[in-house]
Amino acid sequence: MTTPIVHAWMPSSPCGDGCLPKNPPTVGRIVLALRIVLALAAFGLLPVLVVLGVPFPRVRRSLTRIGARTLLFAIGIDLTVLDARSERERSRTAAGALHVAGHISWTDVVVLTAVQPSTFVARADLIDWPVLGRLARAMKVLPIDRARLHQLPGVVDQVADRVRAGGSVVVFPEATTWCGRAYGSLRPALLQAAIDSETWVQPIRLRYLDRTGEQTTATCFVGDETIGASIGRIFRLRGLRAEVEFTAPEAPGGDRRDLARRCEVAIRRDDVYDPTVHEVMAEAERSPMPPTVAAA
């Protein structure tokens, strides 16, 4: 067994089981079964649609978007897109751009693809995951192994080449998933690609809301939860909506740390870091449940 490489710059987050909402609304067995059937059909169809559209970029993007929206519907997540950009601002990212978003869950890729199909920079082991790995390979995800810092410049070069050629690439500079009500700082390394390619950066504000319109942590993929357990849990949830907001693009400039700061201001805006989600988790760990009669 290979020992994972750990270094001081390895991304981490304090989010865990304690961040998840208690007793969220769920669907019944019949709806769950229908969701699973539709999702399997979408998973099987989406890579085929991508391949069929390879010779025709516009067709490929349209088919990919349709497939992702079908999958999102199967998962049970509604979609709202907010875009107050002017025509001039939209034109700045029309011919290729680096898209920057916070990272909450594996569902982020499905949500953002349903809005605008792009290339994603994602964890290297994603391509080995069951089901999602097939989708990742079809979408030509750029893998990044954050445990191996010497590979980072090569990934930056690949991203720069993609956007320089007119492609759209999505990166998650937090470098790991957070629960959504708490979040990490944007790491600047991958933003160097925008500076090297002299392309604009599109900040994207991504949130998940419950049926009351309040931000929820229900979709987060954090802690020790496995991908299988996360898929099973999220498929049962009811009343979820993803909100994707495009803010004004940011000029690349010449300092990636300044660029990361500007993007962070754009995607956080009026968000308020809620440390209580971690205080609840810590309190639960300090105060274990009393033993049951059987255990006693």
C-alpha atoms as a PDB file:
ATOM      1  CA  MET A   1       0.000   0.000   0.000  1.00  0.00           C
ATOM      2  CA  THR A   2       1.379   3.408  -0.983  1.00  0.00           C
ATOM      3  CA  THR A   3       1.773   5.891   1.838  1.00  0.00           C
ATOM      4  CA  PRO A   4       0.151   9.231   0.931  1.00  0.00           C
ATOM      5  CA  ILE A   5       2.529  12.140   0.596  1.00  0.00           C
ATOM      6  CA  VAL A   6       1.854  14.882   3.127  1.00  0.00           C
ATOM      7  CA  HIS A   7       3.372  18.359   3.132  1.00  0.00           C
ATOM      8  CA  ALA A   8       2.702  21.702   4.775  1.00  0.00           C
ATOM      9  CA  TRP A   9       0.765  22.986   1.749  1.00  0.00           C
ATOM     10  CA  MET A  10      -1.656  20.067   1.552  1.00  0.00           C
ATOM     11  CA  PRO A  11      -5.222  21.442   1.473  1.00  0.00           C
ATOM     12  CA  SER A  12      -7.475  20.621   4.403  1.00  0.00           C
ATOM     13  CA  SER A  13     -10.751  21.802   5.842  1.00  0.00           C
ATOM     14  CA  PRO A  14     -12.330  21.472   9.298  1.00  0.00           C
ATOM     15  CA  CYS A  15     -15.678  20.468   7.785  1.00  0.00           C
ATOM     16  CA  GLY A  16     -17.080  17.064   8.668  1.00  0.00           C
ATOM     17  CA  ASP A  17     -20.260  15.230   9.657  1.00  0.00           C
ATOM     18  CA  GLY A  18     -21.142  17.993  12.106  1.00  0.00           C
ATOM     19  CA  CYS A  19     -21.634  20.405   9.188  1.00  0.00           C
ATOM     20  CA  LEU A  20     -24.503  18.386   7.736  1.00  0.00           C
ATOM     21  CA  PRO A  21     -28.087  19.472   8.521  1.00  0.00           C
ATOM     22  CA  LYS A  22     -29.998  17.320  10.970  1.00  0.00           C
ATOM     23  CA  ASN A  23     -33.008  15.432   9.579  1.00  0.00           C
ATOM     24  CA  PRO A  24     -33.261  17.183   6.174  1.00  0.00           C
ATOM     25  CA  PRO A  25     -36.402  16.497   4.087  1.00  0.00           C
ATOM     26  CA  THR A  26     -36.084  13.399   1.912  1.00  0.00           C
ATOM     27  CA  VAL A  27     -38.011  11.711  -0.898  1.00  0.00           C
ATOM     28  CA  GLY A  28     -39.893   8.407  -0.738  1.00  0.00           C
ATOM     29  CA  ARG A  29     -38.712   5.077  -2.121  1.00  0.00           C
ATOM     30  CA  ILE A  30     -40.574   5.361  -5.423  1.00  0.00           C
ATOM     31  CA  VAL A  31     -39.101   8.777  -6.229  1.00  0.00           C
ATOM     32  CA  LEU A  32     -35.669   7.553  -5.165  1.00  0.00           C
ATOM     33  CA  ALA A  33     -35.933   4.554  -7.491  1.00  0.00           C
ATOM     34  CA  LEU A  34     -36.978   6.789 -10.386  1.00  0.00           C
ATOM     35  CA  ARG A  35     -34.056   9.115  -9.706  1.00  0.00           C
ATOM     36  CA  ILE A  36     -31.594   6.238  -9.750  1.00  0.00           C
ATOM     37  CA  VAL A  37     -32.942   4.908 -13.063  1.00  0.00           C
ATOM     38  CA  LEU A  38     -32.806   8.350 -14.681  1.00  0.00           C
ATOM     39  CA  ALA A  39     -29.335   9.032 -13.308  1.00  0.00           C
ATOM     40  CA  LEU A  40     -27.971   5.741 -14.647  1.00  0.00           C
ATOM     41  CA  ALA A  41     -29.431   6.564 -18.053  1.00  0.00           C
ATOM     42  CA  ALA A  42     -27.878  10.033 -17.975  1.00  0.00           C
ATOM     43  CA  PHE A  43     -24.491   8.696 -16.823  1.00  0.00           C
ATOM     44  CA  GLY A  44     -24.522   6.210 -19.661  1.00  0.00           C
ATOM     45  CA  LEU A  45     -25.692   8.694 -22.254  1.00  0.00           C
ATOM     46  CA  LEU A  46     -23.577  11.746 -21.420  1.00  0.00           C
ATOM     47  CA  PRO A  47     -20.181  10.312 -22.478  1.00  0.00           C
ATOM     48  CA  VAL A  48     -21.793   9.093 -25.709  1.00  0.00           C
ATOM     49  CA  LEU A  49     -23.187  12.554 -26.407  1.00  0.00           C
ATOM     50  CA  VAL A  50     -19.771  14.088 -25.785  1.00  0.00           C
ATOM     51  CA  VAL A  51     -18.106  11.682 -28.232  1.00  0.00           C
ATOM     52  CA  LEU A  52     -20.781  12.196 -30.893  1.00  0.00           C
ATOM     53  CA  GLY A  53     -20.275  15.933 -30.754  1.00  0.00           C
ATOM     54  CA  VAL A  54     -16.464  15.863 -30.897  1.00  0.00           C
ATOM     55  CA  PRO A  55     -16.220  17.015 -34.558  1.00  0.00           C
ATOM     56  CA  PHE A  56     -18.627  19.877 -33.859  1.00  0.00           C
ATOM     57  CA  PRO A  57     -17.698  21.934 -30.759  1.00  0.00           C
ATOM     58  CA  ARG A  58     -21.019  23.794 -30.553  1.00  0.00           C
ATOM     59  CA  VAL A  59     -22.981  20.562 -30.869  1.00  0.00           C
ATOM     60  CA  ARG A  60     -20.777  18.915 -28.250  1.00  0.00           C
ATOM     61  CA  ARG A  61     -21.336  21.745 -25.783  1.00  0.00           C
ATOM     62  CA  SER A  62     -25.101  21.705 -26.334  1.00  0.00           C
ATOM     63  CA  LEU A  63     -25.354  17.934 -25.929  1.00  0.00           C
ATOM     64  CA  THR A  64     -23.126  18.005 -22.857  1.00  0.00           C
ATOM     65  CA  ARG A  65     -25.275  20.704 -21.276  1.00  0.00           C
ATOM     66  CA  ILE A  66     -28.442  18.697 -21.971  1.00  0.00           C
ATOM     67  CA  GLY A  67     -26.901  15.571 -20.466  1.00  0.00           C
ATOM     68  CA  ALA A  68     -25.723  17.433 -17.362  1.00  0.00           C
ATOM     69  CA  ARG A  69     -29.140  19.035 -16.833  1.00  0.00           C
ATOM     70  CA  THR A  70     -30.768  15.618 -17.114  1.00  0.00           C
ATOM     71  CA  LEU A  71     -28.371  14.268 -14.515  1.00  0.00           C
ATOM     72  CA  LEU A  72     -28.983  17.258 -12.256  1.00  0.00           C
ATOM     73  CA  PHE A  73     -32.734  16.674 -12.532  1.00  0.00           C
ATOM     74  CA  ALA A  74     -32.178  13.020 -11.609  1.00  0.00           C
ATOM     75  CA  ILE A  75     -30.180  14.013  -8.538  1.00  0.00           C
ATOM     76  CA  GLY A  76     -33.060  16.256  -7.515  1.00  0.00           C
ATOM     77  CA  ILE A  77     -31.339  19.639  -7.662  1.00  0.00           C
ATOM     78  CA  ASP A  78     -33.076  22.592  -9.335  1.00  0.00           C
ATOM     79  CA  LEU A  79     -30.923  25.213 -11.031  1.00  0.00           C
ATOM     80  CA  THR A  80     -31.013  29.016 -10.943  1.00  0.00           C
ATOM     81  CA  VAL A  81     -28.552  31.125 -12.936  1.00  0.00           C
ATOM     82  CA  LEU A  82     -27.988  34.787 -12.062  1.00  0.00           C
ATOM     83  CA  ASP A  83     -26.108  36.901 -14.590  1.00  0.00           C
ATOM     84  CA  ALA A  84     -26.091  40.682 -14.280  1.00  0.00           C
ATOM     85  CA  ARG A  85     -22.989  41.153 -16.452  1.00  0.00           C
ATOM     86  CA  SER A  86     -23.106  43.685 -19.239  1.00  0.00           C
ATOM     87  CA  GLU A  87     -22.606  42.591 -22.852  1.00  0.00           C
ATOM     88  CA  ARG A  88     -19.096  44.025 -22.724  1.00  0.00           C
ATOM     89  CA  GLU A  89     -18.293  42.020 -19.600  1.00  0.00           C
ATOM     90  CA  ARG A  90     -19.643  38.824 -21.167  1.00  0.00           C
ATOM     91  CA  SER A  91     -17.541  39.392 -24.277  1.00  0.00           C
ATOM     92  CA  ARG A  92     -14.358  39.401 -22.189  1.00  0.00           C
ATOM     93  CA  THR A  93     -14.748  35.699 -21.400  1.00  0.00           C
ATOM     94  CA  ALA A  94     -16.468  34.544 -24.594  1.00  0.00           C
ATOM     95  CA  ALA A  95     -13.247  33.458 -26.332  1.00  0.00           C
ATOM     96  CA  GLY A  96     -11.769  31.450 -23.475  1.00  0.00           C
ATOM     97  CA  ALA A  97     -11.394  32.158 -19.792  1.00  0.00           C
ATOM     98  CA  LEU A  98     -10.414  30.746 -16.449  1.00  0.00           C
ATOM     99  CA  HIS A  99     -13.497  30.203 -14.272  1.00  0.00           C
ATOM    100  CA  VAL A 100     -13.045  30.306 -10.495  1.00  0.00           C
ATOM    101  CA  ALA A 101     -15.534  28.910  -7.962  1.00  0.00           C
ATOM    102  CA  GLY A 102     -15.702  27.740  -4.382  1.00  0.00           C
ATOM    103  CA  HIS A 103     -15.775  23.974  -3.866  1.00  0.00           C
ATOM    104  CA  ILE A 104     -18.537  22.253  -1.893  1.00  0.00           C
ATOM    105  CA  SER A 105     -19.268  18.891  -3.458  1.00  0.00           C
ATOM    106  CA  TRP A 106     -18.848  16.523  -6.396  1.00  0.00           C
ATOM    107  CA  THR A 107     -22.175  17.959  -7.540  1.00  0.00           C
ATOM    108  CA  ASP A 108     -20.386  21.255  -8.359  1.00  0.00           C
ATOM    109  CA  VAL A 109     -19.076  19.738 -11.598  1.00  0.00           C
ATOM    110  CA  VAL A 110     -22.563  18.634 -12.662  1.00  0.00           C
ATOM    111  CA  VAL A 111     -24.088  22.020 -11.782  1.00  0.00           C
ATOM    112  CA  LEU A 112     -21.470  24.078 -13.617  1.00  0.00           C
ATOM    113  CA  THR A 113     -21.536  21.777 -16.652  1.00  0.00           C
ATOM    114  CA  ALA A 114     -25.308  22.200 -16.798  1.00  0.00           C
ATOM    115  CA  VAL A 115     -24.714  25.955 -17.064  1.00  0.00           C
ATOM    116  CA  GLN A 116     -21.641  26.052 -19.304  1.00  0.00           C
ATOM    117  CA  PRO A 117     -19.682  22.947 -20.327  1.00  0.00           C
ATOM    118  CA  SER A 118     -15.993  23.452 -19.563  1.00  0.00           C
ATOM    119  CA  THR A 119     -12.805  21.618 -18.780  1.00  0.00           C
ATOM    120  CA  PHE A 120     -12.346  21.044 -15.037  1.00  0.00           C
ATOM    121  CA  VAL A 121      -9.193  20.776 -12.983  1.00  0.00           C
ATOM    122  CA  ALA A 122     -10.022  18.085 -10.435  1.00  0.00           C
ATOM    123  CA  ARG A 123      -8.398  15.717  -7.973  1.00  0.00           C
ATOM    124  CA  ALA A 124      -6.347  13.090  -9.743  1.00  0.00           C
ATOM    125  CA  ASP A 125      -8.185  10.101  -8.273  1.00  0.00           C
ATOM    126  CA  LEU A 126     -11.531  11.339  -9.649  1.00  0.00           C
ATOM    127  CA  ILE A 127     -10.966   9.450 -12.889  1.00  0.00           C
ATOM    128  CA  ASP A 128     -10.756   6.213 -10.882  1.00  0.00           C
ATOM    129  CA  TRP A 129     -14.075   6.745  -9.073  1.00  0.00           C
ATOM    130  CA  PRO A 130     -16.987   4.505 -10.024  1.00  0.00           C
ATOM    131  CA  VAL A 131     -19.512   6.153 -12.361  1.00  0.00           C
ATOM    132  CA  LEU A 132     -18.183   9.721 -11.900  1.00  0.00           C
ATOM    133  CA  GLY A 133     -14.813   8.614 -13.233  1.00  0.00           C
ATOM    134  CA  ARG A 134     -16.359   7.684 -16.563  1.00  0.00           C
ATOM    135  CA  LEU A 135     -17.927  11.115 -16.806  1.00  0.00           C
ATOM    136  CA  ALA A 136     -14.625  12.778 -15.862  1.00  0.00           C
ATOM    137  CA  ARG A 137     -12.735  10.931 -18.590  1.00  0.00           C
ATOM    138  CA  ALA A 138     -15.356  11.806 -21.195  1.00  0.00           C
ATOM    139  CA  MET A 139     -15.105  15.478 -20.240  1.00  0.00           C
ATOM    140  CA  LYS A 140     -11.281  15.355 -20.401  1.00  0.00           C
ATOM    141  CA  VAL A 141     -10.779  16.523 -16.816  1.00  0.00           C
ATOM    142  CA  LEU A 142      -7.291  17.839 -16.088  1.00  0.00           C
ATOM    143  CA  PRO A 143      -6.125  15.807 -13.058  1.00  0.00           C
ATOM    144  CA  ILE A 144      -4.120  17.415 -10.290  1.00  0.00           C
ATOM    145  CA  ASP A 145      -2.382  15.532  -7.480  1.00  0.00           C
ATOM    146  CA  ARG A 146      -1.970  18.132  -4.761  1.00  0.00           C
ATOM    147  CA  ALA A 147       0.316  15.822  -2.811  1.00  0.00           C
ATOM    148  CA  ARG A 148       2.937  16.155  -5.553  1.00  0.00           C
ATOM    149  CA  LEU A 149       3.928  19.809  -5.720  1.00  0.00           C
ATOM    150  CA  HIS A 150       6.465  19.229  -8.508  1.00  0.00           C
ATOM    151  CA  GLN A 151       3.569  18.428 -10.887  1.00  0.00           C
ATOM    152  CA  LEU A 152       1.807  21.765 -10.285  1.00  0.00           C
ATOM    153  CA  PRO A 153       3.703  23.837 -12.916  1.00  0.00           C
ATOM    154  CA  GLY A 154       2.758  21.273 -15.564  1.00  0.00           C
ATOM    155  CA  VAL A 155      -0.931  21.568 -14.661  1.00  0.00           C
ATOM    156  CA  VAL A 156      -0.696  25.373 -14.789  1.00  0.00           C
ATOM    157  CA  ASP A 157       0.822  25.109 -18.274  1.00  0.00           C
ATOM    158  CA  GLN A 158      -1.995  22.804 -19.437  1.00  0.00           C
ATOM    159  CA  VAL A 159      -4.639  25.203 -18.134  1.00  0.00           C
ATOM    160  CA  ALA A 160      -2.913  28.164 -19.797  1.00  0.00           C
ATOM    161  CA  ASP A 161      -2.772  26.276 -23.106  1.00  0.00           C
ATOM    162  CA  ARG A 162      -6.496  25.437 -22.924  1.00  0.00           C
ATOM    163  CA  VAL A 163      -7.666  28.989 -22.278  1.00  0.00           C
ATOM    164  CA  ARG A 164      -5.148  30.420 -24.760  1.00  0.00           C
ATOM    165  CA  ALA A 165      -6.728  28.175 -27.387  1.00  0.00           C
ATOM    166  CA  GLY A 166     -10.176  29.590 -26.590  1.00  0.00           C
ATOM    167  CA  GLY A 167     -11.367  27.013 -24.071  1.00  0.00           C
ATOM    168  CA  SER A 168     -13.060  27.532 -20.727  1.00  0.00           C
ATOM    169  CA  VAL A 169     -11.416  25.919 -17.720  1.00  0.00           C
ATOM    170  CA  VAL A 170     -12.928  25.723 -14.227  1.00  0.00           C
ATOM    171  CA  VAL A 171     -10.671  25.597 -11.179  1.00  0.00           C
ATOM    172  CA  PHE A 172     -11.526  25.313  -7.482  1.00  0.00           C
ATOM    173  CA  PRO A 173      -8.712  27.276  -5.785  1.00  0.00           C
ATOM    174  CA  GLU A 174      -9.802  26.310  -2.257  1.00  0.00           C
ATOM    175  CA  ALA A 175      -8.142  23.020  -3.273  1.00  0.00           C
ATOM    176  CA  THR A 176     -10.558  20.947  -1.190  1.00  0.00           C
ATOM    177  CA  THR A 177     -14.255  20.864  -0.362  1.00  0.00           C
ATOM    178  CA  TRP A 178     -15.863  22.939   2.381  1.00  0.00           C
ATOM    179  CA  CYS A 179     -19.448  22.839   3.624  1.00  0.00           C
ATOM    180  CA  GLY A 180     -20.593  26.114   2.043  1.00  0.00           C
ATOM    181  CA  ARG A 181     -21.402  27.958   5.256  1.00  0.00           C
ATOM    182  CA  ALA A 182     -17.700  27.869   6.022  1.00  0.00           C
ATOM    183  CA  TYR A 183     -15.055  28.287   3.371  1.00  0.00           C
ATOM    184  CA  GLY A 184     -11.325  28.519   2.783  1.00  0.00           C
ATOM    185  CA  SER A 185      -9.105  31.095   1.117  1.00  0.00           C
ATOM    186  CA  LEU A 186      -8.454  30.847  -2.604  1.00  0.00           C
ATOM    187  CA  ARG A 187      -4.970  29.536  -3.277  1.00  0.00           C
ATOM    188  CA  PRO A 188      -3.278  31.517  -6.056  1.00  0.00           C
ATOM    189  CA  ALA A 189      -1.166  28.844  -7.793  1.00  0.00           C
ATOM    190  CA  LEU A 190      -3.593  27.821 -10.567  1.00  0.00           C
ATOM    191  CA  LEU A 191      -4.526  31.452 -11.235  1.00  0.00           C
ATOM    192  CA  GLN A 192      -1.040  31.889 -12.690  1.00  0.00           C
ATOM    193  CA  ALA A 193      -2.479  30.257 -15.828  1.00  0.00           C
ATOM    194  CA  ALA A 194      -4.647  33.333 -16.461  1.00  0.00           C
ATOM    195  CA  ILE A 195      -1.641  35.625 -16.090  1.00  0.00           C
ATOM    196  CA  ASP A 196       0.523  33.480 -18.375  1.00  0.00           C
ATOM    197  CA  SER A 197      -2.186  33.300 -21.059  1.00  0.00           C
ATOM    198  CA  GLU A 198      -3.303  36.928 -20.539  1.00  0.00           C
ATOM    199  CA  THR A 199      -6.963  35.900 -20.291  1.00  0.00           C
ATOM    200  CA  TRP A 200      -9.746  37.268 -18.135  1.00  0.00           C
ATOM    201  CA  VAL A 201     -10.952  35.374 -15.077  1.00  0.00           C
ATOM    202  CA  GLN A 202     -14.634  34.676 -14.461  1.00  0.00           C
ATOM    203  CA  PRO A 203     -15.534  34.417 -10.752  1.00  0.00           C
ATOM    204  CA  ILE A 204     -18.576  32.213 -10.111  1.00  0.00           C
ATOM    205  CA  ARG A 205     -20.590  32.343  -6.916  1.00  0.00           C
ATOM    206  CA  LEU A 206     -22.000  28.869  -6.236  1.00  0.00           C
ATOM    207  CA  ARG A 207     -24.448  28.162  -3.414  1.00  0.00           C
ATOM    208  CA  TYR A 208     -26.920  25.418  -2.510  1.00  0.00           C
ATOM    209  CA  LEU A 209     -30.281  26.460  -1.074  1.00  0.00           C
ATOM    210  CA  ASP A 210     -33.004  24.507   0.710  1.00  0.00           C
ATOM    211  CA  ARG A 211     -36.736  24.712  -0.005  1.00  0.00           C
ATOM    212  CA  THR A 212     -37.023  27.854   2.158  1.00  0.00           C
ATOM    213  CA  GLY A 213     -34.347  29.639   0.123  1.00  0.00           C
ATOM    214  CA  GLU A 214     -31.764  29.465   2.903  1.00  0.00           C
ATOM    215  CA  GLN A 215     -28.226  28.329   2.213  1.00  0.00           C
ATOM    216  CA  THR A 216     -27.764  24.670   3.112  1.00  0.00           C
ATOM    217  CA  THR A 217     -24.808  22.371   3.683  1.00  0.00           C
ATOM    218  CA  ALA A 218     -26.826  19.305   2.648  1.00  0.00           C
ATOM    219  CA  THR A 219     -24.850  18.634  -0.533  1.00  0.00           C
ATOM    220  CA  CYS A 220     -21.368  19.062   0.913  1.00  0.00           C
ATOM    221  CA  PHE A 221     -18.855  16.239   0.423  1.00  0.00           C
ATOM    222  CA  VAL A 222     -16.572  16.550   3.431  1.00  0.00           C
ATOM    223  CA  GLY A 223     -14.923  14.626   6.227  1.00  0.00           C
ATOM    224  CA  ASP A 224     -14.619  10.846   6.009  1.00  0.00           C
ATOM    225  CA  GLU A 225     -17.738  10.305   3.901  1.00  0.00           C
ATOM    226  CA  THR A 226     -17.059   8.080   0.893  1.00  0.00           C
ATOM    227  CA  ILE A 227     -18.226   9.004  -2.592  1.00  0.00           C
ATOM    228  CA  GLY A 228     -20.710   6.106  -2.541  1.00  0.00           C
ATOM    229  CA  ALA A 229     -22.199   7.227   0.768  1.00  0.00           C
ATOM    230  CA  SER A 230     -22.385  10.832  -0.445  1.00  0.00           C
ATOM    231  CA  ILE A 231     -24.204   9.862  -3.650  1.00  0.00           C
ATOM    232  CA  GLY A 232     -26.666   7.715  -1.712  1.00  0.00           C
ATOM    233  CA  ARG A 233     -27.343  10.476   0.815  1.00  0.00           C
ATOM    234  CA  ILE A 234     -27.748  13.312  -1.696  1.00  0.00           C
ATOM    235  CA  PHE A 235     -30.044  11.295  -3.977  1.00  0.00           C
ATOM    236  CA  ARG A 236     -32.492  11.040  -1.065  1.00  0.00           C
ATOM    237  CA  LEU A 237     -32.649  14.786  -0.392  1.00  0.00           C
ATOM    238  CA  ARG A 238     -35.645  16.888  -1.351  1.00  0.00           C
ATOM    239  CA  GLY A 239     -36.129  20.586  -2.086  1.00  0.00           C
ATOM    240  CA  LEU A 240     -32.576  21.497  -3.134  1.00  0.00           C
ATOM    241  CA  ARG A 241     -31.611  24.255  -5.542  1.00  0.00           C
ATOM    242  CA  ALA A 242     -28.209  25.261  -6.889  1.00  0.00           C
ATOM    243  CA  GLU A 243     -27.684  28.971  -7.443  1.00  0.00           C
ATOM    244  CA  VAL A 244     -24.949  29.970  -9.886  1.00  0.00           C
ATOM    245  CA  GLU A 245     -24.081  33.646 -10.159  1.00  0.00           C
ATOM    246  CA  PHE A 246     -21.690  35.139 -12.711  1.00  0.00           C
ATOM    247  CA  THR A 247     -20.011  38.270 -11.365  1.00  0.00           C
ATOM    248  CA  ALA A 248     -18.007  40.826 -13.344  1.00  0.00           C
ATOM    249  CA  PRO A 249     -14.837  39.276 -14.845  1.00  0.00           C
ATOM    250  CA  GLU A 250     -11.472  40.097 -13.311  1.00  0.00           C
ATOM    251  CA  ALA A 251      -8.472  41.218 -15.370  1.00  0.00           C
ATOM    252  CA  PRO A 252      -5.515  38.836 -14.973  1.00  0.00           C
ATOM    253  CA  GLY A 253      -3.028  41.511 -13.913  1.00  0.00           C
ATOM    254  CA  GLY A 254       0.499  40.443 -13.029  1.00  0.00           C
ATOM    255  CA  ASP A 255       0.194  39.204  -9.431  1.00  0.00           C
ATOM    256  CA  ARG A 256      -1.604  35.922  -8.823  1.00  0.00           C
ATOM    257  CA  ARG A 257      -2.059  36.635  -5.114  1.00  0.00           C
ATOM    258  CA  ASP A 258      -3.815  39.903  -5.893  1.00  0.00           C
ATOM    259  CA  LEU A 259      -5.903  38.090  -8.504  1.00  0.00           C
ATOM    260  CA  ALA A 260      -6.893  35.433  -5.950  1.00  0.00           C
ATOM    261  CA  ARG A 261      -7.868  38.161  -3.470  1.00  0.00           C
ATOM    262  CA  ARG A 262     -10.057  39.944  -6.036  1.00  0.00           C
ATOM    263  CA  CYS A 263     -11.762  36.696  -7.046  1.00  0.00           C
ATOM    264  CA  GLU A 264     -12.383  35.801  -3.418  1.00  0.00           C
ATOM    265  CA  VAL A 265     -14.069  39.146  -2.784  1.00  0.00           C
ATOM    266  CA  ALA A 266     -16.250  38.565  -5.859  1.00  0.00           C
ATOM    267  CA  ILE A 267     -17.457  35.059  -5.001  1.00  0.00           C
ATOM    268  CA  ARG A 268     -17.907  35.641  -1.249  1.00  0.00           C
ATOM    269  CA  ARG A 269     -19.519  39.071  -1.415  1.00  0.00           C
ATOM    270  CA  ASP A 270     -22.083  39.174   1.433  1.00  0.00           C
ATOM    271  CA  ASP A 271     -21.400  35.632   2.648  1.00  0.00           C
ATOM    272  CA  VAL A 272     -20.822  35.364   6.368  1.00  0.00           C
ATOM    273  CA  TYR A 273     -18.501  32.668   7.646  1.00  0.00           C
ATOM    274  CA  ASP A 274     -20.519  30.571  10.101  1.00  0.00           C
ATOM    275  CA  PRO A 275     -18.103  28.981  12.623  1.00  0.00           C
ATOM    276  CA  THR A 276     -20.983  27.459  14.603  1.00  0.00           C
ATOM    277  CA  VAL A 277     -21.183  24.541  12.175  1.00  0.00           C
ATOM    278  CA  HIS A 278     -17.776  23.473  13.429  1.00  0.00           C
ATOM    279  CA  GLU A 279     -18.531  24.342  17.041  1.00  0.00           C
ATOM    280  CA  VAL A 280     -21.500  21.954  16.884  1.00  0.00           C
ATOM    281  CA  MET A 281     -19.253  19.248  15.495  1.00  0.00           C
ATOM    282  CA  ALA A 282     -16.639  19.836  18.181  1.00  0.00           C
ATOM    283  CA  GLU A 283     -19.282  19.820  20.927  1.00  0.00           C
ATOM    284  CA  ALA A 284     -20.650  16.511  19.636  1.00  0.00           C
ATOM    285  CA  GLU A 285     -17.170  15.019  19.832  1.00  0.00           C
ATOM    286  CA  ARG A 286     -16.686  16.323  23.380  1.00  0.00           C
ATOM    287  CA  SER A 287     -20.097  15.057  24.519  1.00  0.00           C
ATOM    288  CA  PRO A 288     -20.655  11.508  23.252  1.00  0.00           C
ATOM    289  CA  MET A 289     -24.159  10.099  23.233  1.00  0.00           C
ATOM    290  CA  PRO A 290     -25.159   8.327  26.491  1.00  0.00           C
ATOM    291  CA  PRO A 291     -25.027   4.531  26.288  1.00  0.00           C
ATOM    292  CA  THR A 292     -28.195   2.726  25.284  1.00  0.00           C
ATOM    293  CA  VAL A 293     -29.810   0.159  27.590  1.00  0.00           C
ATOM    294  CA  ALA A 294     -28.392  -2.635  25.468  1.00  0.00           C
ATOM    295  CA  ALA A 295     -24.894  -1.180  25.633  1.00  0.00           C
ATOM    296  CA  ALA A 296     -25.150  -0.675  29.380  1.00  0.00           C
END
